[in-house]
Amino acid sequence: MWPIFALLLLSSAIILEKLHILFIKQKSINIAFKNTVKAKIKAKKFQELNEYLKNYNNSIAVVLKQIINEDDEITIEQCYQNEIKRLEHLSYFLGISITIAPQLGLLGTVTGMIQSFKALSNADESVVASGISQALLTTAFGLCVAIFALFFHIIFNKKIDYLNNEIYLYLNNLIKAKNEKN
């Protein structure tokens, strides 16, 4: 049970961090923000856009601020990739929790059943019941941790996909506008 509990605590900490990064910090990505950025890119007002973006710390603003005065394609790609990596940071651990927690629960089931069969040979009914109880509790707890982590893992992956597409769209629009200027 203790390893499953440790997975629950670590998963919960990562979930709280992801909620902050993916939802609270991205809250400023709204229709007004998007329309203003689009309009400034379309009008090729890059300095105004840069000044406007200084007031925001969402993923689109972070990437656009870094590349607004940049022409090197490799640097632009690196800025984009760095932001995606920041968004995905530690997401893999939720996948690990989803996989390992039920396995640990199954291990608890096996050890509980072994304990029950040993007690059965000694004709000690209270130990048999205790072993079966341990088996059922660890399995249930492992599954609960996995389901909890899976729920948030799916939500976070969808949000990361959405942000990835949004960043890519505005990045491409900015690059096209800058190329048209030249």
N, C-alpha and C. Protein backbone atom coordinates (compact mmCIF):
# COMPACT_ATOMS: atom_id res chain seq x y z
N MET A 1 0.81 -1.20 0.00
CA MET A 1 0.00 0.00 0.00
C MET A 1 0.86 1.27 0.00
N TRP A 2 1.98 1.25 0.69
CA TRP A 2 2.80 2.46 0.79
C TRP A 2 3.32 2.92 -0.57
N PRO A 3 3.80 2.02 -1.42
CA PRO A 3 4.23 2.49 -2.75
C PRO A 3 3.08 3.09 -3.56
N ILE A 4 1.90 2.52 -3.43
CA ILE A 4 0.73 3.07 -4.14
C ILE A 4 0.39 4.45 -3.58
N PHE A 5 0.49 4.59 -2.27
CA PHE A 5 0.23 5.89 -1.64
C PHE A 5 1.26 6.92 -2.10
N ALA A 6 2.52 6.50 -2.22
CA ALA A 6 3.58 7.40 -2.71
C ALA A 6 3.27 7.84 -4.15
N LEU A 7 2.80 6.92 -4.98
CA LEU A 7 2.40 7.28 -6.35
C LEU A 7 1.25 8.28 -6.34
N LEU A 8 0.32 8.09 -5.42
CA LEU A 8 -0.81 9.02 -5.31
C LEU A 8 -0.31 10.42 -4.94
N LEU A 9 0.59 10.51 -3.98
CA LEU A 9 1.11 11.82 -3.58
C LEU A 9 1.89 12.49 -4.71
N LEU A 10 2.76 11.74 -5.38
CA LEU A 10 3.53 12.32 -6.49
C LEU A 10 2.62 12.72 -7.64
N SER A 11 1.67 11.88 -7.96
CA SER A 11 0.72 12.21 -9.03
C SER A 11 -0.08 13.45 -8.69
N SER A 12 -0.50 13.57 -7.45
CA SER A 12 -1.27 14.74 -7.02
C SER A 12 -0.45 16.02 -7.13
N ALA A 13 0.82 15.96 -6.75
CA ALA A 13 1.69 17.13 -6.87
C ALA A 13 1.87 17.54 -8.33
N ILE A 14 2.05 16.56 -9.20
CA ILE A 14 2.21 16.85 -10.63
C ILE A 14 0.91 17.39 -11.21
N ILE A 15 -0.21 16.85 -10.78
CA ILE A 15 -1.51 17.32 -11.26
C ILE A 15 -1.72 18.79 -10.86
N LEU A 16 -1.36 19.14 -9.64
CA LEU A 16 -1.50 20.53 -9.21
C LEU A 16 -0.61 21.46 -10.05
N GLU A 17 0.63 21.02 -10.30
CA GLU A 17 1.52 21.82 -11.14
C GLU A 17 0.96 21.98 -12.55
N LYS A 18 0.47 20.90 -13.11
CA LYS A 18 -0.08 20.93 -14.47
C LYS A 18 -1.34 21.80 -14.54
N LEU A 19 -2.17 21.74 -13.53
CA LEU A 19 -3.35 22.61 -13.51
C LEU A 19 -2.93 24.07 -13.54
N HIS A 20 -1.89 24.40 -12.81
CA HIS A 20 -1.40 25.78 -12.80
C HIS A 20 -0.84 26.18 -14.17
N ILE A 21 0.01 25.33 -14.74
CA ILE A 21 0.67 25.66 -16.01
C ILE A 21 -0.32 25.65 -17.19
N LEU A 22 -1.18 24.65 -17.24
CA LEU A 22 -2.04 24.46 -18.41
C LEU A 22 -3.36 25.21 -18.36
N PHE A 23 -3.80 25.60 -17.18
CA PHE A 23 -5.09 26.26 -17.11
C PHE A 23 -4.99 27.68 -16.54
N ILE A 24 -4.35 27.84 -15.42
CA ILE A 24 -4.28 29.18 -14.81
C ILE A 24 -3.41 30.11 -15.64
N LYS A 25 -2.20 29.65 -16.04
CA LYS A 25 -1.31 30.51 -16.82
C LYS A 25 -1.83 30.75 -18.24
N GLN A 26 -2.68 29.89 -18.73
CA GLN A 26 -3.20 30.01 -20.10
C GLN A 26 -4.55 30.70 -20.13
N LYS A 27 -5.04 31.11 -18.99
CA LYS A 27 -6.37 31.72 -18.89
C LYS A 27 -6.51 32.96 -19.77
N SER A 28 -5.40 33.66 -19.99
CA SER A 28 -5.46 34.89 -20.78
C SER A 28 -5.62 34.65 -22.28
N ILE A 29 -5.55 33.39 -22.70
CA ILE A 29 -5.80 33.09 -24.12
C ILE A 29 -7.31 33.07 -24.31
N ASN A 30 -7.83 34.22 -24.69
CA ASN A 30 -9.27 34.34 -24.92
C ASN A 30 -9.48 34.98 -26.30
N ILE A 31 -10.69 35.21 -26.65
CA ILE A 31 -11.01 35.74 -27.98
C ILE A 31 -10.39 37.11 -28.19
N ALA A 32 -10.46 37.96 -27.17
CA ALA A 32 -9.89 39.31 -27.30
C ALA A 32 -8.38 39.25 -27.53
N PHE A 33 -7.70 38.40 -26.77
CA PHE A 33 -6.26 38.23 -26.94
C PHE A 33 -5.94 37.74 -28.35
N LYS A 34 -6.64 36.70 -28.78
CA LYS A 34 -6.39 36.12 -30.10
C LYS A 34 -6.65 37.13 -31.22
N ASN A 35 -7.76 37.85 -31.12
CA ASN A 35 -8.10 38.83 -32.16
C ASN A 35 -7.07 39.96 -32.22
N THR A 36 -6.61 40.41 -31.07
CA THR A 36 -5.61 41.48 -31.04
C THR A 36 -4.30 41.00 -31.67
N VAL A 37 -3.88 39.80 -31.31
CA VAL A 37 -2.63 39.25 -31.87
C VAL A 37 -2.77 39.08 -33.38
N LYS A 38 -3.89 38.51 -33.82
CA LYS A 38 -4.11 38.34 -35.27
C LYS A 38 -4.07 39.67 -36.00
N ALA A 39 -4.76 40.65 -35.45
CA ALA A 39 -4.83 41.96 -36.10
C ALA A 39 -3.45 42.60 -36.21
N LYS A 40 -2.66 42.53 -35.16
CA LYS A 40 -1.33 43.13 -35.18
C LYS A 40 -0.39 42.39 -36.13
N ILE A 41 -0.54 41.08 -36.21
CA ILE A 41 0.27 40.31 -37.16
C ILE A 41 -0.14 40.66 -38.58
N LYS A 42 -1.45 40.69 -38.83
CA LYS A 42 -1.96 40.99 -40.17
C LYS A 42 -1.54 42.38 -40.62
N ALA A 43 -1.53 43.34 -39.69
CA ALA A 43 -1.14 44.72 -40.02
C ALA A 43 0.38 44.89 -40.02
N LYS A 44 1.09 43.82 -39.68
CA LYS A 44 2.57 43.84 -39.63
C LYS A 44 3.09 44.88 -38.64
N LYS A 45 2.38 45.03 -37.54
CA LYS A 45 2.80 45.94 -36.48
C LYS A 45 3.53 45.13 -35.40
N PHE A 46 4.75 44.72 -35.74
CA PHE A 46 5.48 43.80 -34.89
C PHE A 46 5.94 44.43 -33.58
N GLN A 47 6.31 45.69 -33.59
CA GLN A 47 6.73 46.36 -32.36
C GLN A 47 5.54 46.53 -31.42
N GLU A 48 4.39 46.90 -31.97
CA GLU A 48 3.18 47.01 -31.15
C GLU A 48 2.80 45.65 -30.58
N LEU A 49 2.94 44.63 -31.40
CA LEU A 49 2.65 43.27 -30.95
C LEU A 49 3.57 42.89 -29.80
N ASN A 50 4.84 43.20 -29.95
CA ASN A 50 5.81 42.89 -28.91
C ASN A 50 5.45 43.59 -27.60
N GLU A 51 5.08 44.84 -27.68
CA GLU A 51 4.67 45.60 -26.48
C GLU A 51 3.41 45.00 -25.86
N TYR A 52 2.47 44.63 -26.70
CA TYR A 52 1.22 44.04 -26.23
C TYR A 52 1.49 42.72 -25.51
N LEU A 53 2.37 41.89 -26.08
CA LEU A 53 2.65 40.57 -25.52
C LEU A 53 3.40 40.63 -24.19
N LYS A 54 4.05 41.75 -23.90
CA LYS A 54 4.78 41.88 -22.64
C LYS A 54 3.86 41.80 -21.43
N ASN A 55 2.58 42.05 -21.64
CA ASN A 55 1.60 42.00 -20.55
C ASN A 55 1.07 40.59 -20.30
N TYR A 56 1.51 39.62 -21.10
CA TYR A 56 0.97 38.26 -21.01
C TYR A 56 2.09 37.25 -20.80
N ASN A 57 1.72 36.15 -20.12
CA ASN A 57 2.69 35.09 -19.87
C ASN A 57 2.16 33.73 -20.31
N ASN A 58 1.19 33.74 -21.23
CA ASN A 58 0.68 32.47 -21.73
C ASN A 58 1.63 31.92 -22.79
N SER A 59 1.41 30.69 -23.22
CA SER A 59 2.34 30.02 -24.13
C SER A 59 2.48 30.72 -25.48
N ILE A 60 1.39 31.21 -26.03
CA ILE A 60 1.46 31.91 -27.32
C ILE A 60 2.32 33.16 -27.17
N ALA A 61 2.08 33.93 -26.12
CA ALA A 61 2.85 35.15 -25.89
C ALA A 61 4.33 34.85 -25.67
N VAL A 62 4.62 33.80 -24.90
CA VAL A 62 6.02 33.44 -24.62
C VAL A 62 6.77 33.15 -25.92
N VAL A 63 6.18 32.34 -26.77
CA VAL A 63 6.85 31.97 -28.03
C VAL A 63 6.96 33.17 -28.96
N LEU A 64 5.88 33.90 -29.13
CA LEU A 64 5.91 35.03 -30.06
C LEU A 64 6.89 36.12 -29.60
N LYS A 65 6.97 36.37 -28.29
CA LYS A 65 7.92 37.37 -27.77
C LYS A 65 9.35 36.96 -28.08
N GLN A 66 9.63 35.67 -27.99
CA GLN A 66 10.99 35.19 -28.22
C GLN A 66 11.40 35.27 -29.68
N ILE A 67 10.46 35.12 -30.59
CA ILE A 67 10.83 35.01 -32.01
C ILE A 67 10.42 36.22 -32.84
N ILE A 68 9.81 37.21 -32.23
CA ILE A 68 9.28 38.34 -33.00
C ILE A 68 10.39 39.07 -33.77
N ASN A 69 11.57 39.14 -33.22
CA ASN A 69 12.69 39.80 -33.90
C ASN A 69 13.71 38.80 -34.41
N GLU A 70 13.30 37.56 -34.54
CA GLU A 70 14.21 36.49 -34.94
C GLU A 70 13.91 36.05 -36.37
N ASP A 71 14.94 35.80 -37.15
CA ASP A 71 14.76 35.32 -38.52
C ASP A 71 15.33 33.92 -38.72
N ASP A 72 16.15 33.45 -37.79
CA ASP A 72 16.78 32.14 -37.92
C ASP A 72 15.74 31.05 -37.66
N GLU A 73 15.52 30.19 -38.65
CA GLU A 73 14.49 29.14 -38.53
C GLU A 73 14.81 28.15 -37.42
N ILE A 74 16.08 27.87 -37.20
CA ILE A 74 16.46 26.92 -36.16
C ILE A 74 16.12 27.50 -34.78
N THR A 75 16.41 28.76 -34.57
CA THR A 75 16.09 29.40 -33.30
C THR A 75 14.58 29.45 -33.09
N ILE A 76 13.84 29.75 -34.13
CA ILE A 76 12.37 29.79 -34.04
C ILE A 76 11.84 28.41 -33.65
N GLU A 77 12.34 27.38 -34.31
CA GLU A 77 11.91 26.01 -34.00
C GLU A 77 12.28 25.63 -32.57
N GLN A 78 13.45 26.04 -32.12
CA GLN A 78 13.88 25.74 -30.75
C GLN A 78 12.97 26.42 -29.72
N CYS A 79 12.61 27.65 -29.96
CA CYS A 79 11.70 28.37 -29.04
C CYS A 79 10.36 27.65 -28.95
N TYR A 80 9.85 27.25 -30.11
CA TYR A 80 8.58 26.52 -30.16
C TYR A 80 8.69 25.20 -29.41
N GLN A 81 9.74 24.44 -29.69
CA GLN A 81 9.93 23.13 -29.04
C GLN A 81 10.13 23.27 -27.53
N ASN A 82 10.86 24.30 -27.12
CA ASN A 82 11.09 24.52 -25.69
C ASN A 82 9.77 24.77 -24.94
N GLU A 83 8.88 25.53 -25.56
CA GLU A 83 7.59 25.80 -24.91
C GLU A 83 6.75 24.53 -24.83
N ILE A 84 6.76 23.72 -25.87
CA ILE A 84 6.01 22.46 -25.84
C ILE A 84 6.59 21.53 -24.77
N LYS A 85 7.91 21.47 -24.68
CA LYS A 85 8.54 20.65 -23.63
C LYS A 85 8.15 21.14 -22.25
N ARG A 86 8.08 22.46 -22.07
CA ARG A 86 7.68 23.02 -20.78
C ARG A 86 6.25 22.62 -20.43
N LEU A 87 5.38 22.62 -21.43
CA LEU A 87 3.99 22.22 -21.21
C LEU A 87 3.88 20.73 -20.87
N GLU A 88 4.71 19.91 -21.49
CA GLU A 88 4.66 18.47 -21.29
C GLU A 88 5.46 17.99 -20.09
N HIS A 89 6.20 18.88 -19.47
CA HIS A 89 7.10 18.51 -18.37
C HIS A 89 6.39 17.65 -17.32
N LEU A 90 6.98 16.50 -17.02
CA LEU A 90 6.51 15.53 -16.01
C LEU A 90 5.19 14.84 -16.36
N SER A 91 4.65 15.07 -17.54
CA SER A 91 3.41 14.37 -17.92
C SER A 91 3.62 12.86 -17.99
N TYR A 92 4.82 12.46 -18.35
CA TYR A 92 5.12 11.04 -18.46
C TYR A 92 4.93 10.33 -17.11
N PHE A 93 5.14 11.07 -16.00
CA PHE A 93 5.01 10.44 -14.69
C PHE A 93 3.58 10.01 -14.43
N LEU A 94 2.61 10.75 -14.94
CA LEU A 94 1.22 10.32 -14.78
C LEU A 94 0.99 9.00 -15.51
N GLY A 95 1.62 8.86 -16.68
CA GLY A 95 1.54 7.59 -17.41
C GLY A 95 2.15 6.45 -16.62
N ILE A 96 3.26 6.75 -15.94
CA ILE A 96 3.90 5.73 -15.10
C ILE A 96 2.95 5.33 -13.96
N SER A 97 2.32 6.31 -13.33
CA SER A 97 1.38 6.01 -12.24
C SER A 97 0.21 5.18 -12.74
N ILE A 98 -0.27 5.52 -13.93
CA ILE A 98 -1.40 4.79 -14.52
C ILE A 98 -1.04 3.32 -14.71
N THR A 99 0.20 3.06 -15.07
CA THR A 99 0.64 1.70 -15.34
C THR A 99 1.04 0.95 -14.08
N ILE A 100 1.77 1.61 -13.21
CA ILE A 100 2.35 0.91 -12.05
C ILE A 100 1.35 0.71 -10.91
N ALA A 101 0.47 1.67 -10.66
CA ALA A 101 -0.45 1.56 -9.52
C ALA A 101 -1.29 0.27 -9.57
N PRO A 102 -1.91 -0.07 -10.70
CA PRO A 102 -2.67 -1.33 -10.72
C PRO A 102 -1.77 -2.57 -10.55
N GLN A 103 -0.53 -2.46 -11.07
CA GLN A 103 0.40 -3.59 -10.91
C GLN A 103 0.74 -3.79 -9.44
N LEU A 104 0.98 -2.68 -8.73
CA LEU A 104 1.24 -2.78 -7.30
C LEU A 104 0.01 -3.31 -6.55
N GLY A 105 -1.17 -2.91 -7.00
CA GLY A 105 -2.40 -3.45 -6.42
C GLY A 105 -2.51 -4.95 -6.64
N LEU A 106 -2.14 -5.38 -7.83
CA LEU A 106 -2.15 -6.81 -8.13
C LEU A 106 -1.13 -7.56 -7.27
N LEU A 107 0.03 -6.95 -7.07
CA LEU A 107 1.03 -7.55 -6.19
C LEU A 107 0.48 -7.68 -4.77
N GLY A 108 -0.24 -6.66 -4.30
CA GLY A 108 -0.88 -6.74 -2.99
C GLY A 108 -1.91 -7.85 -2.94
N THR A 109 -2.62 -8.06 -4.03
CA THR A 109 -3.60 -9.14 -4.11
C THR A 109 -2.92 -10.50 -3.96
N VAL A 110 -1.83 -10.66 -4.69
CA VAL A 110 -1.11 -11.93 -4.64
C VAL A 110 -0.55 -12.19 -3.25
N THR A 111 0.09 -11.16 -2.66
CA THR A 111 0.65 -11.38 -1.32
C THR A 111 -0.44 -11.62 -0.29
N GLY A 112 -1.57 -10.93 -0.42
CA GLY A 112 -2.70 -11.16 0.49
C GLY A 112 -3.26 -12.57 0.36
N MET A 113 -3.33 -13.06 -0.86
CA MET A 113 -3.85 -14.40 -1.08
C MET A 113 -2.86 -15.45 -0.57
N ILE A 114 -1.58 -15.19 -0.73
CA ILE A 114 -0.57 -16.11 -0.19
C ILE A 114 -0.72 -16.19 1.33
N GLN A 115 -0.88 -15.03 1.95
CA GLN A 115 -1.07 -14.97 3.41
C GLN A 115 -2.33 -15.74 3.80
N SER A 116 -3.37 -15.60 3.01
CA SER A 116 -4.64 -16.29 3.31
C SER A 116 -4.49 -17.80 3.20
N PHE A 117 -3.79 -18.27 2.18
CA PHE A 117 -3.62 -19.72 2.01
C PHE A 117 -2.72 -20.30 3.09
N LYS A 118 -1.73 -19.54 3.54
CA LYS A 118 -0.89 -20.01 4.64
C LYS A 118 -1.74 -20.15 5.90
N ALA A 119 -2.59 -19.17 6.16
CA ALA A 119 -3.44 -19.20 7.34
C ALA A 119 -4.48 -20.31 7.24
N LEU A 120 -4.90 -20.59 6.02
CA LEU A 120 -5.89 -21.66 5.81
C LEU A 120 -5.31 -23.01 6.22
N SER A 121 -4.01 -23.19 5.97
CA SER A 121 -3.38 -24.45 6.35
C SER A 121 -3.28 -24.57 7.87
N ASN A 122 -3.28 -23.46 8.57
CA ASN A 122 -3.25 -23.48 10.04
C ASN A 122 -4.65 -23.38 10.63
N ALA A 123 -5.65 -23.32 9.79
CA ALA A 123 -7.05 -23.22 10.20
C ALA A 123 -7.31 -21.99 11.06
N ASP A 124 -6.70 -20.85 10.66
CA ASP A 124 -6.89 -19.59 11.38
C ASP A 124 -7.74 -18.67 10.51
N GLU A 125 -9.06 -18.67 10.79
CA GLU A 125 -10.00 -17.93 9.95
C GLU A 125 -9.79 -16.42 9.98
N SER A 126 -9.36 -15.87 11.12
CA SER A 126 -9.19 -14.42 11.21
C SER A 126 -8.05 -13.95 10.31
N VAL A 127 -6.99 -14.74 10.18
CA VAL A 127 -5.88 -14.37 9.30
C VAL A 127 -6.29 -14.53 7.84
N VAL A 128 -7.12 -15.52 7.54
CA VAL A 128 -7.62 -15.70 6.17
C VAL A 128 -8.42 -14.47 5.75
N ALA A 129 -9.32 -14.04 6.62
CA ALA A 129 -10.14 -12.86 6.31
C ALA A 129 -9.26 -11.62 6.17
N SER A 130 -8.25 -11.51 7.02
CA SER A 130 -7.33 -10.37 6.95
C SER A 130 -6.57 -10.36 5.63
N GLY A 131 -6.10 -11.53 5.19
CA GLY A 131 -5.35 -11.63 3.93
C GLY A 131 -6.23 -11.28 2.73
N ILE A 132 -7.46 -11.75 2.74
CA ILE A 132 -8.38 -11.44 1.64
C ILE A 132 -8.71 -9.96 1.65
N SER A 133 -8.89 -9.39 2.81
CA SER A 133 -9.16 -7.96 2.93
C SER A 133 -7.99 -7.14 2.38
N GLN A 134 -6.77 -7.55 2.75
CA GLN A 134 -5.57 -6.86 2.22
C GLN A 134 -5.53 -6.95 0.70
N ALA A 135 -5.83 -8.11 0.18
CA ALA A 135 -5.81 -8.31 -1.26
C ALA A 135 -6.80 -7.38 -1.96
N LEU A 136 -8.01 -7.31 -1.45
CA LEU A 136 -9.04 -6.48 -2.08
C LEU A 136 -8.73 -5.00 -1.93
N LEU A 137 -8.24 -4.58 -0.78
CA LEU A 137 -7.94 -3.16 -0.55
C LEU A 137 -6.80 -2.67 -1.45
N THR A 138 -5.74 -3.45 -1.56
CA THR A 138 -4.62 -2.98 -2.39
C THR A 138 -5.01 -2.92 -3.86
N THR A 139 -5.80 -3.87 -4.30
CA THR A 139 -6.26 -3.84 -5.69
C THR A 139 -7.13 -2.61 -5.93
N ALA A 140 -8.08 -2.38 -5.03
CA ALA A 140 -8.97 -1.23 -5.19
C ALA A 140 -8.19 0.08 -5.12
N PHE A 141 -7.27 0.20 -4.19
CA PHE A 141 -6.50 1.43 -4.04
C PHE A 141 -5.62 1.67 -5.28
N GLY A 142 -5.00 0.60 -5.77
CA GLY A 142 -4.17 0.73 -6.99
C GLY A 142 -5.00 1.18 -8.18
N LEU A 143 -6.18 0.62 -8.33
CA LEU A 143 -7.05 1.02 -9.43
C LEU A 143 -7.54 2.46 -9.28
N CYS A 144 -7.86 2.85 -8.06
CA CYS A 144 -8.31 4.24 -7.81
C CYS A 144 -7.22 5.25 -8.17
N VAL A 145 -5.99 4.96 -7.78
CA VAL A 145 -4.87 5.86 -8.11
C VAL A 145 -4.69 5.93 -9.62
N ALA A 146 -4.75 4.79 -10.29
CA ALA A 146 -4.58 4.76 -11.75
C ALA A 146 -5.70 5.52 -12.45
N ILE A 147 -6.92 5.34 -12.02
CA ILE A 147 -8.06 6.04 -12.64
C ILE A 147 -7.95 7.54 -12.41
N PHE A 148 -7.58 7.94 -11.21
CA PHE A 148 -7.38 9.35 -10.88
C PHE A 148 -6.32 9.97 -11.79
N ALA A 149 -5.18 9.31 -11.92
CA ALA A 149 -4.09 9.82 -12.77
C ALA A 149 -4.50 9.81 -14.24
N LEU A 150 -5.22 8.78 -14.67
CA LEU A 150 -5.65 8.68 -16.07
C LEU A 150 -6.60 9.81 -16.44
N PHE A 151 -7.52 10.13 -15.56
CA PHE A 151 -8.47 11.21 -15.80
C PHE A 151 -7.74 12.51 -16.12
N PHE A 152 -6.81 12.88 -15.27
CA PHE A 152 -6.07 14.13 -15.49
C PHE A 152 -5.10 14.03 -16.65
N HIS A 153 -4.52 12.86 -16.85
CA HIS A 153 -3.58 12.66 -17.96
C HIS A 153 -4.28 12.94 -19.30
N ILE A 154 -5.49 12.44 -19.45
CA ILE A 154 -6.25 12.66 -20.69
C ILE A 154 -6.58 14.15 -20.86
N ILE A 155 -7.04 14.79 -19.80
CA ILE A 155 -7.37 16.22 -19.87
C ILE A 155 -6.14 17.03 -20.23
N PHE A 156 -5.02 16.74 -19.59
CA PHE A 156 -3.79 17.49 -19.84
C PHE A 156 -3.28 17.28 -21.26
N ASN A 157 -3.37 16.05 -21.76
CA ASN A 157 -2.93 15.80 -23.15
C ASN A 157 -3.78 16.56 -24.15
N LYS A 158 -5.07 16.62 -23.91
CA LYS A 158 -5.96 17.38 -24.80
C LYS A 158 -5.61 18.87 -24.77
N LYS A 159 -5.36 19.40 -23.58
CA LYS A 159 -5.01 20.81 -23.44
C LYS A 159 -3.67 21.10 -24.10
N ILE A 160 -2.70 20.21 -23.95
CA ILE A 160 -1.40 20.39 -24.59
C ILE A 160 -1.54 20.36 -26.10
N ASP A 161 -2.36 19.46 -26.62
CA ASP A 161 -2.61 19.41 -28.08
C ASP A 161 -3.23 20.71 -28.56
N TYR A 162 -4.20 21.22 -27.82
CA TYR A 162 -4.84 22.48 -28.18
C TYR A 162 -3.81 23.62 -28.19
N LEU A 163 -3.02 23.73 -27.14
CA LEU A 163 -2.02 24.80 -27.06
C LEU A 163 -0.97 24.64 -28.16
N ASN A 164 -0.58 23.42 -28.42
CA ASN A 164 0.38 23.16 -29.50
C ASN A 164 -0.15 23.69 -30.83
N ASN A 165 -1.39 23.38 -31.13
CA ASN A 165 -2.00 23.85 -32.38
C ASN A 165 -2.12 25.37 -32.42
N GLU A 166 -2.50 25.97 -31.31
CA GLU A 166 -2.63 27.43 -31.25
C GLU A 166 -1.27 28.12 -31.43
N ILE A 167 -0.27 27.64 -30.72
CA ILE A 167 1.07 28.22 -30.85
C ILE A 167 1.55 28.10 -32.28
N TYR A 168 1.38 26.93 -32.86
CA TYR A 168 1.82 26.68 -34.24
C TYR A 168 1.12 27.61 -35.22
N LEU A 169 -0.17 27.80 -35.04
CA LEU A 169 -0.95 28.68 -35.92
C LEU A 169 -0.43 30.11 -35.87
N TYR A 170 -0.27 30.66 -34.66
CA TYR A 170 0.19 32.05 -34.54
C TYR A 170 1.64 32.19 -34.95
N LEU A 171 2.43 31.18 -34.71
CA LEU A 171 3.83 31.19 -35.13
C LEU A 171 3.92 31.24 -36.66
N ASN A 172 3.14 30.40 -37.32
CA ASN A 172 3.13 30.40 -38.80
C ASN A 172 2.60 31.72 -39.36
N ASN A 173 1.57 32.27 -38.75
CA ASN A 173 1.05 33.56 -39.21
C ASN A 173 2.10 34.66 -39.08
N LEU A 174 2.83 34.65 -37.97
CA LEU A 174 3.87 35.65 -37.76
C LEU A 174 5.01 35.48 -38.77
N ILE A 175 5.42 34.26 -39.00
CA ILE A 175 6.50 34.00 -39.97
C ILE A 175 6.08 34.43 -41.38
N LYS A 176 4.84 34.11 -41.78
CA LYS A 176 4.34 34.53 -43.10
C LYS A 176 4.32 36.04 -43.22
N ALA A 177 3.82 36.71 -42.20
CA ALA A 177 3.76 38.17 -42.23
C ALA A 177 5.15 38.79 -42.30
N LYS A 178 6.08 38.22 -41.58
CA LYS A 178 7.46 38.74 -41.60
C LYS A 178 8.09 38.51 -42.98
N ASN A 179 7.80 37.37 -43.60
CA ASN A 179 8.34 37.09 -44.94
C ASN A 179 7.73 37.97 -46.01
N GLU A 180 6.45 38.30 -45.85
CA GLU A 180 5.78 39.19 -46.81
C GLU A 180 6.36 40.60 -46.72
N LYS A 181 6.81 40.96 -45.54
CA LYS A 181 7.38 42.29 -45.31
C LYS A 181 8.66 42.47 -46.11
N ASN A 182 9.45 41.36 -46.20
CA ASN A 182 10.76 41.43 -46.89
C ASN A 182 10.61 41.43 -48.38
